[in-house]
């Protein structure tokens, strides 16, 4: 054939493809080892941010990339009748539908944010989960995926 006969045919795209999901059992196995996933080398080796990323993603139902996009300015720590534990603002730039979401934190999310603030206090537009090499930029989803693969290996679960 000299020409592709289907070149001009539109390729169907699924707006909301079905994604794999994790069972509670899988979550608990992975959560048990997230503190063992380290970052850095030698003297600079320390616990990774995987535990907090994992907990926030589970507590809020948001994608890991949305959690990684959180900045300190997005954390509303004030407790009100509508937001008993504070609120989180997920920016449109980190949402697949480009929509800004403000959600009330549950106790698990609040405890996680308190842990982040205790370990890495910050203000303003600084990322809550900074890149290890450049703390002015948020860490990449690729690095979080690498840490998740390490946790899967430690927990003995299949990817």
Protein backbone atom coordinates (compact mmCIF):
# COMPACT_ATOMS: atom_id res chain seq x y z
CA UNK A 1 0.00 0.00 0.00
CA UNK A 2 1.18 3.45 -0.82
CA UNK A 3 -1.09 5.19 1.69
CA UNK A 4 -2.42 4.39 5.14
CA UNK A 5 -6.20 3.83 4.69
CA UNK A 6 -7.03 4.70 8.31
CA UNK A 7 -4.81 7.78 8.57
CA UNK A 8 -7.76 10.18 8.55
CA UNK A 9 -10.00 8.11 10.84
CA UNK A 10 -10.36 9.54 14.34
CA UNK A 11 -8.90 7.42 17.11
CA UNK A 12 -11.37 6.99 19.98
CA UNK A 13 -10.16 8.26 23.34
CA UNK A 14 -11.60 7.29 26.69
CA UNK A 15 -12.07 10.40 28.85
CA UNK A 16 -12.11 8.44 32.08
CA UNK A 17 -10.28 5.16 31.53
CA UNK A 18 -10.64 2.46 34.14
CA UNK A 19 -7.57 2.44 36.33
CA UNK A 20 -6.26 -0.34 38.52
CA UNK A 21 -7.12 0.06 42.18
CA UNK A 22 -5.51 -1.22 45.32
CA UNK A 23 -7.24 -3.28 47.97
CA UNK A 24 -7.14 -2.33 51.64
CA UNK A 25 -4.90 -5.35 52.25
CA UNK A 26 -2.39 -4.11 49.65
CA UNK A 27 -2.49 -0.60 51.10
CA UNK A 28 -1.78 -1.89 54.61
CA UNK A 29 1.12 -4.06 53.43
CA UNK A 30 2.70 -1.15 51.57
CA UNK A 31 2.00 1.33 54.37
CA UNK A 32 3.82 -0.97 56.81
CA UNK A 33 7.10 -0.52 54.89
CA UNK A 34 6.89 3.07 53.62
CA UNK A 35 9.05 4.36 56.50
CA UNK A 36 11.80 1.96 55.37
CA UNK A 37 12.12 3.57 51.92
CA UNK A 38 15.10 5.91 52.06
CA UNK A 39 16.38 8.77 49.95
CA UNK A 40 19.89 10.12 49.66
CA UNK A 41 23.14 8.21 50.05
CA UNK A 42 25.67 7.69 52.82
CA UNK A 43 25.60 10.41 55.47
CA UNK A 44 22.70 12.12 53.69
CA UNK A 45 20.45 9.05 53.74
CA UNK A 46 17.13 9.73 55.43
CA UNK A 47 13.53 8.57 55.35
CA UNK A 48 11.75 9.46 52.13
CA UNK A 49 8.48 11.42 51.92
CA UNK A 50 6.66 8.30 50.71
CA UNK A 51 4.76 7.74 53.96
CA UNK A 52 3.21 11.22 53.92
CA UNK A 53 2.52 11.10 50.16
CA UNK A 54 0.90 7.69 50.56
CA UNK A 55 -1.20 8.76 53.56
CA UNK A 56 -2.41 11.99 51.94
CA UNK A 57 -3.30 10.27 48.69
CA UNK A 58 -5.28 7.65 50.61
CA UNK A 59 -6.94 10.15 52.97
CA UNK A 60 -7.98 12.60 50.25
CA UNK A 61 -8.59 10.31 47.28
CA UNK A 62 -6.35 12.53 45.16
CA UNK A 63 -3.74 11.34 42.69
CA UNK A 64 -0.13 11.24 43.83
CA UNK A 65 0.73 13.95 41.29
CA UNK A 66 -1.87 16.23 42.92
CA UNK A 67 -0.42 15.56 46.37
CA UNK A 68 3.09 16.30 45.07
CA UNK A 69 1.82 19.65 43.78
CA UNK A 70 0.79 20.85 47.25
CA UNK A 71 2.51 23.99 48.48
CA UNK A 72 2.52 25.38 52.00
CA UNK A 73 0.14 28.14 50.85
CA UNK A 74 -2.38 25.39 49.99
CA UNK A 75 -2.62 24.24 53.61
CA UNK A 76 -5.45 25.91 55.53
CA UNK A 77 -4.81 24.88 59.12
CA UNK A 78 -7.60 26.91 60.68
CA UNK A 79 -10.31 24.75 62.21
CA UNK A 80 -13.84 25.99 61.46
CA UNK A 81 -17.30 24.44 61.82
CA UNK A 82 -17.13 23.47 58.12
CA UNK A 83 -13.51 22.30 58.20
CA UNK A 84 -12.99 20.67 61.59
CA UNK A 85 -9.41 19.68 60.76
CA UNK A 86 -8.52 22.39 58.25
CA UNK A 87 -8.58 22.21 54.45
CA UNK A 88 -6.32 21.49 51.48
CA UNK A 89 -6.41 23.31 48.16
CA UNK A 90 -5.49 21.21 45.16
CA UNK A 91 -4.55 23.52 42.30
CA UNK A 92 -6.10 23.23 38.85
CA UNK A 93 -2.64 22.79 37.33
CA UNK A 94 -2.37 19.37 39.06
CA UNK A 95 -5.84 18.11 38.16
CA UNK A 96 -6.60 16.12 35.02
CA UNK A 97 -9.71 18.25 34.43
CA UNK A 98 -7.88 21.49 35.29
CA UNK A 99 -10.25 22.16 38.21
CA UNK A 100 -9.27 23.65 41.56
CA UNK A 101 -10.52 21.65 44.55
CA UNK A 102 -10.69 22.72 48.18
CA UNK A 103 -11.38 19.77 50.45
CA UNK A 104 -11.82 19.51 54.19
CA UNK A 105 -9.16 17.41 55.85
CA UNK A 106 -10.12 14.32 57.81
CA UNK A 107 -8.17 13.37 60.97
CA UNK A 108 -5.72 11.21 58.98
CA UNK A 109 -4.94 13.99 56.50
CA UNK A 110 -4.52 16.51 59.34
CA UNK A 111 -2.14 14.21 61.24
CA UNK A 112 -0.12 13.76 58.06
CA UNK A 113 0.07 17.52 57.42
CA UNK A 114 1.10 18.07 61.06
CA UNK A 115 3.89 15.49 60.58
CA UNK A 116 5.05 17.26 57.40
CA UNK A 117 5.09 20.63 59.18
CA UNK A 118 6.99 19.20 62.18
CA UNK A 119 9.68 17.68 59.94
CA UNK A 120 9.87 20.37 57.23
CA UNK A 121 8.28 23.65 58.26
CA UNK A 122 7.71 26.03 55.39
CA UNK A 123 5.67 28.97 54.22
CA UNK A 124 4.23 30.47 51.09
CA UNK A 125 4.81 29.00 47.68
CA UNK A 126 7.46 26.49 48.81
CA UNK A 127 6.52 22.89 47.88
CA UNK A 128 5.35 20.66 50.73
CA UNK A 129 7.17 17.78 49.02
CA UNK A 130 10.35 19.31 47.60
CA UNK A 131 12.66 17.66 45.11
CA UNK A 132 15.69 16.23 46.95
CA UNK A 133 18.12 18.02 44.62
CA UNK A 134 16.26 21.37 44.47
CA UNK A 135 14.00 22.27 47.41
CA UNK A 136 12.44 25.15 45.45
CA UNK A 137 10.74 22.69 43.06
CA UNK A 138 8.21 19.97 43.83
CA UNK A 139 9.47 16.42 43.56
CA UNK A 140 8.63 14.47 40.44
CA UNK A 141 6.01 11.76 40.11
CA UNK A 142 8.78 9.57 38.66
CA UNK A 143 10.67 9.71 41.97
CA UNK A 144 7.49 8.90 43.92
CA UNK A 145 6.93 5.96 41.56
CA UNK A 146 10.49 4.76 42.18
CA UNK A 147 9.89 4.89 45.93
CA UNK A 148 6.58 3.06 45.51
CA UNK A 149 8.34 0.28 43.54
CA UNK A 150 10.89 0.01 46.37
CA UNK A 151 8.05 -0.28 48.92
CA UNK A 152 6.42 -3.00 46.79
CA UNK A 153 9.69 -4.89 46.81
CA UNK A 154 10.07 -4.53 50.60
CA UNK A 155 6.46 -5.58 51.19
CA UNK A 156 6.69 -8.51 48.83
CA UNK A 157 3.70 -7.45 46.71
CA UNK A 158 3.58 -7.50 42.93
CA UNK A 159 3.53 -4.15 41.13
